[in-house]
PDB file of N, CA and C in Angstrom:
ATOM      1  N   MET A   1      20.089  56.411  25.909  1.00  0.00           N
ATOM      2  CA  MET A   1      20.314  54.838  26.420  1.00  0.00           C
ATOM      3  C   MET A   1      21.085  53.943  25.600  1.00  0.00           C
ATOM      4  N   LEU A   2      21.162  53.917  24.789  1.00  0.00           N
ATOM      5  CA  LEU A   2      22.055  53.180  23.924  1.00  0.00           C
ATOM      6  C   LEU A   2      23.346  53.495  23.849  1.00  0.00           C
ATOM      7  N   GLU A   3      23.577  53.943  24.262  1.00  0.00           N
ATOM      8  CA  GLU A   3      25.028  54.434  24.326  1.00  0.00           C
ATOM      9  C   GLU A   3      25.498  53.879  26.090  1.00  0.00           C
ATOM     10  N   GLY A   4      24.155  53.765  27.363  1.00  0.00           N
ATOM     11  CA  GLY A   4      24.486  53.510  27.886  1.00  0.00           C
ATOM     12  C   GLY A   4      24.675  51.850  27.668  1.00  0.00           C
ATOM     13  N   ALA A   5      23.856  50.619  27.115  1.00  0.00           N
ATOM     14  CA  ALA A   5      23.363  50.703  27.006  1.00  0.00           C
ATOM     15  C   ALA A   5      25.085  49.408  25.777  1.00  0.00           C
ATOM     16  N   LYS A   6      25.503  49.977  24.957  1.00  0.00           N
ATOM     17  CA  LYS A   6      26.821  50.070  25.050  1.00  0.00           C
ATOM     18  C   LYS A   6      28.143  49.603  25.621  1.00  0.00           C
ATOM     19  N   SER A   7      28.054  50.976  27.038  1.00  0.00           N
ATOM     20  CA  SER A   7      29.290  50.374  27.586  1.00  0.00           C
ATOM     21  C   SER A   7      29.175  49.482  28.348  1.00  0.00           C
ATOM     22  N   ILE A   8      27.678  49.016  28.882  1.00  0.00           N
ATOM     23  CA  ILE A   8      27.328  47.637  29.033  1.00  0.00           C
ATOM     24  C   ILE A   8      28.085  46.743  28.647  1.00  0.00           C
ATOM     25  N   GLY A   9      27.959  46.780  27.340  1.00  0.00           N
ATOM     26  CA  GLY A   9      28.104  45.316  26.590  1.00  0.00           C
ATOM     27  C   GLY A   9      29.480  45.738  26.304  1.00  0.00           C
ATOM     28  N   ALA A  10      29.924  46.653  25.839  1.00  0.00           N
ATOM     29  CA  ALA A  10      31.591  46.418  26.547  1.00  0.00           C
ATOM     30  C   ALA A  10      32.244  45.652  27.071  1.00  0.00           C
ATOM     31  N   GLY A  11      31.468  46.260  28.409  1.00  0.00           N
ATOM     32  CA  GLY A  11      32.056  46.191  29.677  1.00  0.00           C
ATOM     33  C   GLY A  11      32.756  44.632  30.176  1.00  0.00           C
ATOM     34  N   ALA A  12      31.071  44.221  29.535  1.00  0.00           N
ATOM     35  CA  ALA A  12      30.727  42.941  30.251  1.00  0.00           C
ATOM     36  C   ALA A  12      31.349  41.905  28.480  1.00  0.00           C
ATOM     37  N   ALA A  13      31.447  41.487  27.493  1.00  0.00           N
ATOM     38  CA  ALA A  13      32.665  41.543  27.141  1.00  0.00           C
ATOM     39  C   ALA A  13      34.246  41.208  27.059  1.00  0.00           C
ATOM     40  N   THR A  14      34.989  42.155  27.791  1.00  0.00           N
ATOM     41  CA  THR A  14      36.405  42.293  28.595  1.00  0.00           C
ATOM     42  C   THR A  14      35.318  41.434  29.318  1.00  0.00           C
ATOM     43  N   ILE A  15      34.936  40.482  29.853  1.00  0.00           N
ATOM     44  CA  ILE A  15      35.530  39.402  30.923  1.00  0.00           C
ATOM     45  C   ILE A  15      35.749  38.889  30.680  1.00  0.00           C
ATOM     46  N   ALA A  16      35.636  38.825  29.407  1.00  0.00           N
ATOM     47  CA  ALA A  16      36.524  37.064  28.607  1.00  0.00           C
ATOM     48  C   ALA A  16      38.139  36.736  28.935  1.00  0.00           C
ATOM     49  N   SER A  17      38.751  38.741  29.167  1.00  0.00           N
ATOM     50  CA  SER A  17      40.038  38.054  29.523  1.00  0.00           C
ATOM     51  C   SER A  17      40.222  38.064  31.022  1.00  0.00           C
ATOM     52  N   ALA A  18      39.737  38.000  32.193  1.00  0.00           N
ATOM     53  CA  ALA A  18      39.902  36.971  33.281  1.00  0.00           C
ATOM     54  C   ALA A  18      39.449  35.551  32.777  1.00  0.00           C
ATOM     55  N   GLY A  19      38.487  34.867  31.848  1.00  0.00           N
ATOM     56  CA  GLY A  19      38.444  33.309  31.516  1.00  0.00           C
ATOM     57  C   GLY A  19      39.771  33.881  30.963  1.00  0.00           C
ATOM     58  N   ALA A  20      40.479  34.483  30.329  1.00  0.00           N
ATOM     59  CA  ALA A  20      41.500  33.818  30.031  1.00  0.00           C
ATOM     60  C   ALA A  20      42.499  33.731  30.493  1.00  0.00           C
ATOM     61  N   ALA A  21      42.863  34.237  31.765  1.00  0.00           N
ATOM     62  CA  ALA A  21      43.431  34.732  33.116  1.00  0.00           C
ATOM     63  C   ALA A  21      43.473  33.373  33.566  1.00  0.00           C
ATOM     64  N   VAL A  22      42.680  32.183  33.515  1.00  0.00           N
ATOM     65  CA  VAL A  22      41.971  31.335  34.145  1.00  0.00           C
ATOM     66  C   VAL A  22      42.251  30.393  33.591  1.00  0.00           C
ATOM     67  N   GLY A  23      42.662  30.386  32.511  1.00  0.00           N
ATOM     68  CA  GLY A  23      42.635  30.045  31.572  1.00  0.00           C
ATOM     69  C   GLY A  23      44.300  29.070  30.992  1.00  0.00           C
ATOM     70  N   ILE A  24      44.995  30.626  30.578  1.00  0.00           N
ATOM     71  CA  ILE A  24      46.820  29.922  31.446  1.00  0.00           C
ATOM     72  C   ILE A  24      46.742  30.011  32.424  1.00  0.00           C
ATOM     73  N   GLY A  25      46.261  30.001  33.327  1.00  0.00           N
ATOM     74  CA  GLY A  25      47.181  29.017  34.629  1.00  0.00           C
ATOM     75  C   GLY A  25      46.206  27.673  34.924  1.00  0.00           C
ATOM     76  N   ASN A  26      45.233  27.223  34.683  1.00  0.00           N
ATOM     77  CA  ASN A  26      45.067  26.027  34.598  1.00  0.00           C
ATOM     78  C   ASN A  26      46.429  24.900  33.740  1.00  0.00           C
ATOM     79  N   VAL A  27      46.350  25.373  32.318  1.00  0.00           N
ATOM     80  CA  VAL A  27      47.180  25.205  31.046  1.00  0.00           C
ATOM     81  C   VAL A  27      48.905  24.826  32.273  1.00  0.00           C
ATOM     82  N   LEU A  28      48.981  26.747  32.671  1.00  0.00           N
ATOM     83  CA  LEU A  28      50.763  26.260  33.172  1.00  0.00           C
ATOM     84  C   LEU A  28      50.789  25.459  34.847  1.00  0.00           C
ATOM     85  N   SER A  29      49.614  24.774  35.271  1.00  0.00           N
ATOM     86  CA  SER A  29      49.054  24.028  36.435  1.00  0.00           C
ATOM     87  C   SER A  29      49.545  23.172  35.614  1.00  0.00           C
ATOM     88  N   SER A  30      48.456  22.341  34.479  1.00  0.00           N
ATOM     89  CA  SER A  30      48.824  21.520  34.111  1.00  0.00           C
ATOM     90  C   SER A  30      50.269  20.909  33.944  1.00  0.00           C
ATOM     91  N   SER A  31      50.750  21.596  33.629  1.00  0.00           N
ATOM     92  CA  SER A  31      52.329  21.672  32.720  1.00  0.00           C
ATOM     93  C   SER A  31      52.636  21.423  33.943  1.00  0.00           C
ATOM     94  N   ILE A  32      52.748  21.653  35.291  1.00  0.00           N
ATOM     95  CA  ILE A  32      53.652  21.531  35.846  1.00  0.00           C
ATOM     96  C   ILE A  32      53.902  20.430  36.887  1.00  0.00           C
ATOM     97  N   HIS A  33      51.879  19.895  37.348  1.00  0.00           N
ATOM     98  CA  HIS A  33      51.638  18.796  37.431  1.00  0.00           C
ATOM     99  C   HIS A  33      52.721  17.160  36.178  1.00  0.00           C
ATOM    100  N   SER A  34      51.866  18.026  35.099  1.00  0.00           N
ATOM    101  CA  SER A  34      52.759  16.827  34.502  1.00  0.00           C
ATOM    102  C   SER A  34      53.918  16.730  34.317  1.00  0.00           C
ATOM    103  N   VAL A  35      54.974  17.512  34.589  1.00  0.00           N
ATOM    104  CA  VAL A  35      56.519  17.507  34.048  1.00  0.00           C
ATOM    105  C   VAL A  35      57.078  17.059  35.799  1.00  0.00           C
ATOM    106  N   ALA A  36      55.685  16.972  37.301  1.00  0.00           N
ATOM    107  CA  ALA A  36      56.286  15.999  37.796  1.00  0.00           C
ATOM    108  C   ALA A  36      56.137  14.312  38.048  1.00  0.00           C
ATOM    109  N   ARG A  37      55.116  14.717  37.225  1.00  0.00           N
ATOM    110  CA  ARG A  37      54.657  13.195  37.470  1.00  0.00           C
ATOM    111  C   ARG A  37      56.348  12.310  36.558  1.00  0.00           C
ATOM    112  N   ASN A  38      56.210  13.151  35.737  1.00  0.00           N
ATOM    113  CA  ASN A  38      56.974  11.832  34.732  1.00  0.00           C
ATOM    114  C   ASN A  38      57.741  13.050  33.477  1.00  0.00           C
ATOM    115  N   PRO A  39      59.022  13.231  34.387  1.00  0.00           N
ATOM    116  CA  PRO A  39      60.192  14.292  34.110  1.00  0.00           C
ATOM    117  C   PRO A  39      60.213  14.239  32.743  1.00  0.00           C
ATOM    118  N   SER A  40      60.513  12.791  32.257  1.00  0.00           N
ATOM    119  CA  SER A  40      61.104  12.490  30.411  1.00  0.00           C
ATOM    120  C   SER A  40      60.512  12.817  29.856  1.00  0.00           C
ATOM    121  N   LEU A  41      59.130  12.517  30.065  1.00  0.00           N
ATOM    122  CA  LEU A  41      58.498  14.033  28.403  1.00  0.00           C
ATOM    123  C   LEU A  41      58.514  15.334  29.108  1.00  0.00           C
ATOM    124  N   ALA A  42      58.972  15.799  29.696  1.00  0.00           N
ATOM    125  CA  ALA A  42      59.301  17.407  29.988  1.00  0.00           C
ATOM    126  C   ALA A  42      59.217  17.986  28.943  1.00  0.00           C
ATOM    127  N   LYS A  43      60.201  18.104  27.357  1.00  0.00           N
ATOM    128  CA  LYS A  43      60.155  17.815  25.955  1.00  0.00           C
ATOM    129  C   LYS A  43      58.771  18.816  25.962  1.00  0.00           C
ATOM    130  N   GLN A  44      58.098  16.925  24.787  1.00  0.00           N
ATOM    131  CA  GLN A  44      56.810  17.215  24.504  1.00  0.00           C
ATOM    132  C   GLN A  44      56.454  17.619  25.172  1.00  0.00           C
ATOM    133  N   SER A  45      55.784  17.285  25.886  1.00  0.00           N
ATOM    134  CA  SER A  45      54.916  18.460  27.645  1.00  0.00           C
ATOM    135  C   SER A  45      54.862  19.994  27.990  1.00  0.00           C
ATOM    136  N   PHE A  46      55.991  20.792  27.016  1.00  0.00           N
ATOM    137  CA  PHE A  46      56.803  21.542  26.872  1.00  0.00           C
ATOM    138  C   PHE A  46      55.413  22.428  25.584  1.00  0.00           C
ATOM    139  N   GLY A  47      55.327  21.719  24.597  1.00  0.00           N
ATOM    140  CA  GLY A  47      54.947  21.919  23.557  1.00  0.00           C
ATOM    141  C   GLY A  47      53.574  22.021  23.394  1.00  0.00           C
ATOM    142  N   TYR A  48      53.156  21.104  23.894  1.00  0.00           N
ATOM    143  CA  TYR A  48      51.592  21.372  24.513  1.00  0.00           C
ATOM    144  C   TYR A  48      51.647  22.540  25.117  1.00  0.00           C
ATOM    145  N   ALA A  49      52.424  22.283  26.110  1.00  0.00           N
ATOM    146  CA  ALA A  49      51.585  23.782  26.920  1.00  0.00           C
ATOM    147  C   ALA A  49      51.550  25.229  26.310  1.00  0.00           C
ATOM    148  N   ILE A  50      52.422  25.585  25.674  1.00  0.00           N
ATOM    149  CA  ILE A  50      53.279  26.630  24.416  1.00  0.00           C
ATOM    150  C   ILE A  50      51.079  26.552  23.467  1.00  0.00           C
ATOM    151  N   LEU A  51      51.353  25.036  23.485  1.00  0.00           N
ATOM    152  CA  LEU A  51      49.878  25.771  22.592  1.00  0.00           C
ATOM    153  C   LEU A  51      48.299  26.077  23.012  1.00  0.00           C
ATOM    154  N   GLY A  52      49.009  24.852  23.872  1.00  0.00           N
ATOM    155  CA  GLY A  52      47.342  25.572  24.689  1.00  0.00           C
ATOM    156  C   GLY A  52      47.097  27.188  25.426  1.00  0.00           C
ATOM    157  N   PHE A  53      48.421  27.981  25.963  1.00  0.00           N
ATOM    158  CA  PHE A  53      49.029  29.222  25.715  1.00  0.00           C
ATOM    159  C   PHE A  53      49.042  30.099  24.671  1.00  0.00           C
ATOM    160  N   ALA A  54      48.130  29.917  23.378  1.00  0.00           N
ATOM    161  CA  ALA A  54      48.691  30.517  22.198  1.00  0.00           C
ATOM    162  C   ALA A  54      47.172  30.080  22.409  1.00  0.00           C
ATOM    163  N   LEU A  55      46.698  28.772  21.977  1.00  0.00           N
ATOM    164  CA  LEU A  55      44.758  29.303  22.249  1.00  0.00           C
ATOM    165  C   LEU A  55      44.119  29.655  23.171  1.00  0.00           C
ATOM    166  N   THR A  56      44.594  29.847  24.023  1.00  0.00           N
ATOM    167  CA  THR A  56      43.713  30.261  25.202  1.00  0.00           C
ATOM    168  C   THR A  56      43.959  31.956  24.900  1.00  0.00           C
ATOM    169  N   GLU A  57      45.776  32.609  24.220  1.00  0.00           N
ATOM    170  CA  GLU A  57      46.046  33.635  24.241  1.00  0.00           C
ATOM    171  C   GLU A  57      44.596  34.175  22.684  1.00  0.00           C
ATOM    172  N   ALA A  58      44.558  33.400  21.942  1.00  0.00           N
ATOM    173  CA  ALA A  58      43.807  33.262  20.820  1.00  0.00           C
ATOM    174  C   ALA A  58      41.992  34.095  20.484  1.00  0.00           C
ATOM    175  N   ILE A  59      41.956  33.047  22.140  1.00  0.00           N
ATOM    176  CA  ILE A  59      40.147  33.827  22.785  1.00  0.00           C
ATOM    177  C   ILE A  59      39.912  34.718  23.555  1.00  0.00           C
ATOM    178  N   ALA A  60      41.773  34.937  24.006  1.00  0.00           N
ATOM    179  CA  ALA A  60      41.868  36.703  24.956  1.00  0.00           C
ATOM    180  C   ALA A  60      42.110  37.027  23.778  1.00  0.00           C
ATOM    181  N   SER A  61      41.793  36.971  22.230  1.00  0.00           N
ATOM    182  CA  SER A  61      42.157  38.464  21.839  1.00  0.00           C
ATOM    183  C   SER A  61      40.642  39.135  21.332  1.00  0.00           C
ATOM    184  N   PHE A  62      40.010  38.189  21.548  1.00  0.00           N
ATOM    185  CA  PHE A  62      38.196  38.373  21.033  1.00  0.00           C
ATOM    186  C   PHE A  62      37.801  38.848  21.659  1.00  0.00           C
ATOM    187  N   ALA A  63      38.682  39.198  23.560  1.00  0.00           N
ATOM    188  CA  ALA A  63      37.498  39.744  24.235  1.00  0.00           C
ATOM    189  C   ALA A  63      37.301  42.150  23.888  1.00  0.00           C
ATOM    190  N   PRO A  64      38.519  42.266  23.740  1.00  0.00           N
ATOM    191  CA  PRO A  64      38.939  43.248  22.836  1.00  0.00           C
ATOM    192  C   PRO A  64      38.104  43.576  21.887  1.00  0.00           C
ATOM    193  N   MET A  65      38.596  42.771  20.903  1.00  0.00           N
ATOM    194  CA  MET A  65      37.968  43.025  19.306  1.00  0.00           C
ATOM    195  C   MET A  65      36.432  43.025  19.372  1.00  0.00           C
ATOM    196  N   MET A  66      35.332  42.377  19.926  1.00  0.00           N
ATOM    197  CA  MET A  66      33.944  42.822  20.367  1.00  0.00           C
ATOM    198  C   MET A  66      33.757  43.499  20.947  1.00  0.00           C
ATOM    199  N   ALA A  67      34.711  43.886  22.504  1.00  0.00           N
ATOM    200  CA  ALA A  67      34.481  45.553  23.345  1.00  0.00           C
ATOM    201  C   ALA A  67      34.502  46.618  22.109  1.00  0.00           C
ATOM    202  N   PHE A  68      35.431  46.459  21.074  1.00  0.00           N
ATOM    203  CA  PHE A  68      35.454  48.035  19.799  1.00  0.00           C
ATOM    204  C   PHE A  68      34.941  47.841  19.387  1.00  0.00           C
ATOM    205  N   LEU A  69      34.035  46.523  18.811  1.00  0.00           N
ATOM    206  CA  LEU A  69      32.634  46.636  17.777  1.00  0.00           C
ATOM    207  C   LEU A  69      31.817  46.867  18.378  1.00  0.00           C
ATOM    208  N   ILE A  70      31.364  46.785  20.000  1.00  0.00           N
ATOM    209  CA  ILE A  70      29.603  47.750  20.385  1.00  0.00           C
ATOM    210  C   ILE A  70      30.356  48.584  20.253  1.00  0.00           C
ATOM    211  N   SER A  71      31.764  49.086  20.250  1.00  0.00           N
ATOM    212  CA  SER A  71      31.441  49.945  21.032  1.00  0.00           C
ATOM    213  C   SER A  71      31.477  51.749  19.729  1.00  0.00           C
ATOM    214  N   PHE A  72      32.198  50.721  19.265  1.00  0.00           N
ATOM    215  CA  PHE A  72      32.848  51.879  17.356  1.00  0.00           C
ATOM    216  C   PHE A  72      31.712  51.601  16.249  1.00  0.00           C
ATOM    217  N   VAL A  73      31.377  50.294  15.939  1.00  0.00           N
ATOM    218  CA  VAL A  73      30.446  49.977  14.992  1.00  0.00           C
ATOM    219  C   VAL A  73      29.215  50.159  15.260  1.00  0.00           C
ATOM    220  N   PHE A  74      28.764  50.077  16.264  1.00  0.00           N
ATOM    221  CA  PHE A  74      27.218  49.351  16.161  1.00  0.00           C
ATOM    222  C   PHE A  74      26.759  50.627  17.247  1.00  0.00           C
ATOM    223  N   ARG A  75      26.319  51.471  15.513  1.00  0.00           N
ATOM    224  CA  ARG A  75      25.504  52.896  16.307  1.00  0.00           C
ATOM    225  C   ARG A  75      24.111  53.192  15.967  1.00  0.00           C
ATOM    226  N   SER A  76      23.213  53.883  16.944  1.00  0.00           N
ATOM    227  CA  SER A  76      22.091  54.154  17.252  1.00  0.00           C
ATOM    228  C   SER A  76      21.638  54.076  15.656  1.00  0.00           C
ATOM    229  N   GLN A  77      20.623  53.867  15.165  1.00  0.00           N
ATOM    230  CA  GLN A  77      19.543  53.903  13.650  1.00  0.00           C
ATOM    231  C   GLN A  77      19.586  55.590  13.164  1.00  0.00           C
ATOM    232  N   LYS A  78      19.879  56.386  13.773  1.00  0.00           N
ATOM    233  CA  LYS A  78      19.461  57.940  12.798  1.00  0.00           C
ATOM    234  C   LYS A  78      20.007  57.468  11.839  1.00  0.00           C
ATOM    235  N   ARG A  79      19.722  58.228  10.716  1.00  0.00           N
ATOM    236  CA  ARG A  79      20.286  58.176   9.310  1.00  0.00           C
ATOM    237  C   ARG A  79      20.531  59.146   8.743  1.00  0.00           C
ATOM    238  N   LYS A  80      21.683  59.696   8.550  1.00  0.00           N
ATOM    239  CA  LYS A  80      22.247  60.543   7.986  1.00  0.00           C
ATOM    240  C   LYS A  80      21.630  60.849   6.811  1.00  0.00           C
ATOM    241  N   ASN A  81      21.640  61.969   6.152  1.00  0.00           N
ATOM    242  CA  ASN A  81      21.421  62.328   5.082  1.00  0.00           C
ATOM    243  C   ASN A  81      22.429  61.807   3.969  1.00  0.00           C
ATOM    244  N   VAL A  82      22.363  60.304   2.951  1.00  0.00           N
ATOM    245  CA  VAL A  82      22.869  60.508   1.918  1.00  0.00           C
ATOM    246  C   VAL A  82      22.374  60.724   0.547  1.00  0.00           C
ATOM    247  N   PRO A  83      23.704  61.275   0.203  1.00  0.00           N
ATOM    248  CA  PRO A  83      22.818  61.792  -1.544  1.00  0.00           C
ATOM    249  C   PRO A  83      22.373  60.643  -2.113  1.00  0.00           C
ATOM    250  N   TRP A  84      23.353  59.652  -2.193  1.00  0.00           N
ATOM    251  CA  TRP A  84      22.616  58.617  -2.903  1.00  0.00           C
ATOM    252  C   TRP A  84      21.113  58.430  -2.677  1.00  0.00           C
ATOM    253  N   VAL A  85      20.449  58.417  -1.682  1.00  0.00           N
ATOM    254  CA  VAL A  85      19.441  57.655  -1.306  1.00  0.00           C
ATOM    255  C   VAL A  85      18.356  58.571  -1.654  1.00  0.00           C
ATOM    256  N   SER A  86      18.823  60.302  -1.753  1.00  0.00           N
ATOM    257  CA  SER A  86      17.805  61.289  -2.072  1.00  0.00           C
ATOM    258  C   SER A  86      17.372  61.428  -4.069  1.00  0.00           C
ATOM    259  N   HIS A  87      18.002  60.520  -5.180  1.00  0.00           N
ATOM    260  CA  HIS A  87      18.601  60.450  -5.742  1.00  0.00           C
ATOM    261  C   HIS A  87      16.867  59.818  -6.247  1.00  0.00           C
ATOM    262  N   PRO A  88      16.116  60.389  -7.610  1.00  0.00           N
ATOM    263  CA  PRO A  88      15.538  60.402  -8.172  1.00  0.00           C
ATOM    264  C   PRO A  88      15.340  58.741  -8.284  1.00  0.00           C
ATOM    265  N   PHE A  89      15.929  58.062  -9.058  1.00  0.00           N
ATOM    266  CA  PHE A  89      15.949  57.101  -9.498  1.00  0.00           C
ATOM    267  C   PHE A  89      15.915  55.725  -8.454  1.00  0.00           C
ATOM    268  N   VAL A  90      16.454  56.509  -7.461  1.00  0.00           N
ATOM    269  CA  VAL A  90      16.976  55.193  -6.432  1.00  0.00           C
ATOM    270  C   VAL A  90      15.187  54.644  -5.707  1.00  0.00           C
ATOM    271  N   LEU A  91      15.264  56.388  -5.631  1.00  0.00           N
ATOM    272  CA  LEU A  91      13.655  56.554  -4.860  1.00  0.00           C
ATOM    273  C   LEU A  91      12.694  55.858  -5.336  1.00  0.00           C
ATOM    274  N   ASP A  92      12.508  55.085  -7.200  1.00  0.00           N
ATOM    275  CA  ASP A  92      11.591  55.178  -7.838  1.00  0.00           C
ATOM    276  C   ASP A  92      12.369  53.861  -6.954  1.00  0.00           C
ATOM    277  N   LEU A  93      13.507  52.910  -7.215  1.00  0.00           N
ATOM    278  CA  LEU A  93      13.527  51.591  -7.226  1.00  0.00           C
ATOM    279  C   LEU A  93      12.699  51.183  -5.591  1.00  0.00           C
ATOM    280  N   LEU A  94      13.036  51.839  -4.820  1.00  0.00           N
ATOM    281  CA  LEU A  94      12.765  51.388  -3.417  1.00  0.00           C
ATOM    282  C   LEU A  94      10.633  51.716  -3.242  1.00  0.00           C
ATOM    283  N   TRP A  95      10.497  52.626  -3.726  1.00  0.00           N
ATOM    284  CA  TRP A  95       8.694  52.776  -4.080  1.00  0.00           C
ATOM    285  C   TRP A  95       8.336  51.710  -5.115  1.00  0.00           C
ATOM    286  N   LYS A  96       9.335  51.178  -6.103  1.00  0.00           N
ATOM    287  CA  LYS A  96       9.176  49.898  -6.292  1.00  0.00           C
ATOM    288  C   LYS A  96       8.544  48.966  -5.845  1.00  0.00           C
ATOM    289  N   GLU A  97      10.067  48.439  -5.327  1.00  0.00           N
ATOM    290  CA  GLU A  97      10.263  46.792  -4.742  1.00  0.00           C
ATOM    291  C   GLU A  97       8.517  47.471  -3.348  1.00  0.00           C
ATOM    292  N   ARG A  98       8.488  48.446  -3.526  1.00  0.00           N
ATOM    293  CA  ARG A  98       7.056  48.393  -1.946  1.00  0.00           C
ATOM    294  C   ARG A  98       5.904  47.902  -2.450  1.00  0.00           C
ATOM    295  N   GLY A  99       5.753  48.986  -3.482  1.00  0.00           N
ATOM    296  CA  GLY A  99       4.947  49.096  -4.268  1.00  0.00           C
ATOM    297  C   GLY A  99       4.075  49.898  -3.608  1.00  0.00           C
ATOM    298  N   GLU A 100       4.655  51.799  -3.947  1.00  0.00           N
ATOM    299  CA  GLU A 100       3.326  52.556  -3.359  1.00  0.00           C
ATOM    300  C   GLU A 100       4.023  53.694  -4.734  1.00  0.00           C
ATOM    301  N   LEU A 101       4.631  53.011  -5.351  1.00  0.00           N
ATOM    302  CA  LEU A 101       4.097  53.630  -6.567  1.00  0.00           C
ATOM    303  C   LEU A 101       3.528  53.465  -8.204  1.00  0.00           C
ATOM    304  N   ALA A 102       2.590  54.589  -7.987  1.00  0.00           N
ATOM    305  CA  ALA A 102       1.645  54.136  -9.342  1.00  0.00           C
ATOM    306  C   ALA A 102       2.025  54.295 -10.799  1.00  0.00           C
ATOM    307  N   ASP A 103       1.246  52.942 -11.149  1.00  0.00           N
ATOM    308  CA  ASP A 103       1.699  53.417 -12.789  1.00  0.00           C
ATOM    309  C   ASP A 103       2.226  55.203 -13.450  1.00  0.00           C
ATOM    310  N   LYS A 104       2.454  54.685 -14.865  1.00  0.00           N
ATOM    311  CA  LYS A 104       2.591  56.384 -15.162  1.00  0.00           C
ATOM    312  C   LYS A 104       1.227  56.966 -15.602  1.00  0.00           C
ATOM    313  N   ASP A 105       0.398  55.692 -15.318  1.00  0.00           N
ATOM    314  CA  ASP A 105      -1.181  56.969 -16.433  1.00  0.00           C
ATOM    315  C   ASP A 105      -2.082  57.481 -15.180  1.00  0.00           C
ATOM    316  N   GLY A 106      -1.139  57.303 -13.609  1.00  0.00           N
ATOM    317  CA  GLY A 106      -1.478  57.643 -12.226  1.00  0.00           C
ATOM    318  C   GLY A 106      -2.662  56.659 -11.322  1.00  0.00           C
ATOM    319  N   GLN A 107      -2.769  55.511 -12.319  1.00  0.00           N
ATOM    320  CA  GLN A 107      -3.949  54.732 -11.547  1.00  0.00           C
ATOM    321  C   GLN A 107      -2.819  53.845 -10.183  1.00  0.00           C
TER     322      GLN A 107
END
């Protein structure tokens, strides 16, 4: 069940790619409209358009990153045998934190 939820979450995270495509379209459309209204500011408008493309693509790069994080980093809660956890000193520390370790006298 967890694997299915992870797949759904990873798929939902990639929806941001569609949003980035819409954002790039809006930036290009606004750039064309601004040059059509005032051709003398074409160079300055181009700089702003490139900045808009860069910021939109930066947001779009987070979508695959989140999909990979959901798919590969978030694992199920099954614990494997970790050697340092079974060490007596570590177990004593864990039990002391929980208050489950009795005194040396057995009380």
